[in-house]
């Protein structure tokens, strides 16, 4: 494997790791509860 192939594989793997971290953060229970609070606060303002 030459340098460009290793670099391409590294960048691809890094992007996959970032994607997994975003999915975990988005669907975590704590973050979901915080998102619901903001929604209900906006509804109360009306």
C-alpha atoms as a PDB file:
ATOM      1  CA  UNK A   1       0.000   0.000   0.000  1.00  0.00           C
ATOM      2  CA  UNK A   2       1.493   3.298  -1.021  1.00  0.00           C
ATOM      3  CA  UNK A   3       1.230   6.590   0.847  1.00  0.00           C
ATOM      4  CA  UNK A   4      -1.767   7.963  -1.056  1.00  0.00           C
ATOM      5  CA  UNK A   5      -3.811   4.804  -0.428  1.00  0.00           C
ATOM      6  CA  UNK A   6      -2.977   4.872   3.272  1.00  0.00           C
ATOM      7  CA  UNK A   7      -3.899   8.545   3.488  1.00  0.00           C
ATOM      8  CA  UNK A   8      -7.204   7.934   1.678  1.00  0.00           C
ATOM      9  CA  UNK A   9      -8.005   5.026   3.996  1.00  0.00           C
ATOM     10  CA  UNK A  10      -7.138   7.135   7.053  1.00  0.00           C
ATOM     11  CA  UNK A  11      -9.316  10.047   5.972  1.00  0.00           C
ATOM     12  CA  UNK A  12     -12.218   7.684   5.191  1.00  0.00           C
ATOM     13  CA  UNK A  13     -11.915   5.979   8.564  1.00  0.00           C
ATOM     14  CA  UNK A  14     -11.695   9.354  10.324  1.00  0.00           C
ATOM     15  CA  UNK A  15     -14.854  10.595   8.626  1.00  0.00           C
ATOM     16  CA  UNK A  16     -16.635   7.389   9.627  1.00  0.00           C
ATOM     17  CA  UNK A  17     -15.603   7.886  13.254  1.00  0.00           C
ATOM     18  CA  UNK A  18     -16.868  11.485  13.196  1.00  0.00           C
ATOM     19  CA  UNK A  19     -20.177  10.309  11.691  1.00  0.00           C
ATOM     20  CA  UNK A  20     -20.597   7.686  14.431  1.00  0.00           C
ATOM     21  CA  UNK A  21     -19.876  10.295  17.110  1.00  0.00           C
ATOM     22  CA  UNK A  22     -22.519  12.640  15.637  1.00  0.00           C
ATOM     23  CA  UNK A  23     -25.108   9.840  15.568  1.00  0.00           C
ATOM     24  CA  UNK A  24     -24.358   8.837  19.169  1.00  0.00           C
ATOM     25  CA  UNK A  25     -24.594  12.433  20.350  1.00  0.00           C
ATOM     26  CA  UNK A  26     -27.799  13.094  18.403  1.00  0.00           C
ATOM     27  CA  UNK A  27     -29.647  10.047  19.686  1.00  0.00           C
ATOM     28  CA  UNK A  28     -28.420  10.066  23.294  1.00  0.00           C
ATOM     29  CA  UNK A  29     -31.145  10.316  25.949  1.00  0.00           C
ATOM     30  CA  UNK A  30     -29.676  13.419  27.602  1.00  0.00           C
ATOM     31  CA  UNK A  31     -29.506  15.395  24.332  1.00  0.00           C
ATOM     32  CA  UNK A  32     -33.037  14.336  23.411  1.00  0.00           C
ATOM     33  CA  UNK A  33     -34.376  15.670  26.701  1.00  0.00           C
ATOM     34  CA  UNK A  34     -32.600  19.010  26.176  1.00  0.00           C
ATOM     35  CA  UNK A  35     -34.117  19.312  22.696  1.00  0.00           C
ATOM     36  CA  UNK A  36     -37.610  18.684  24.018  1.00  0.00           C
ATOM     37  CA  UNK A  37     -37.230  21.437  26.642  1.00  0.00           C
ATOM     38  CA  UNK A  38     -36.432  24.025  23.972  1.00  0.00           C
ATOM     39  CA  UNK A  39     -39.420  22.936  21.893  1.00  0.00           C
ATOM     40  CA  UNK A  40     -41.860  23.294  24.768  1.00  0.00           C
ATOM     41  CA  UNK A  41     -40.336  26.629  25.781  1.00  0.00           C
ATOM     42  CA  UNK A  42     -41.020  27.976  22.279  1.00  0.00           C
ATOM     43  CA  UNK A  43     -44.601  26.712  22.448  1.00  0.00           C
ATOM     44  CA  UNK A  44     -45.128  28.407  25.815  1.00  0.00           C
ATOM     45  CA  UNK A  45     -44.032  31.771  24.364  1.00  0.00           C
ATOM     46  CA  UNK A  46     -46.935  31.732  21.899  1.00  0.00           C
END
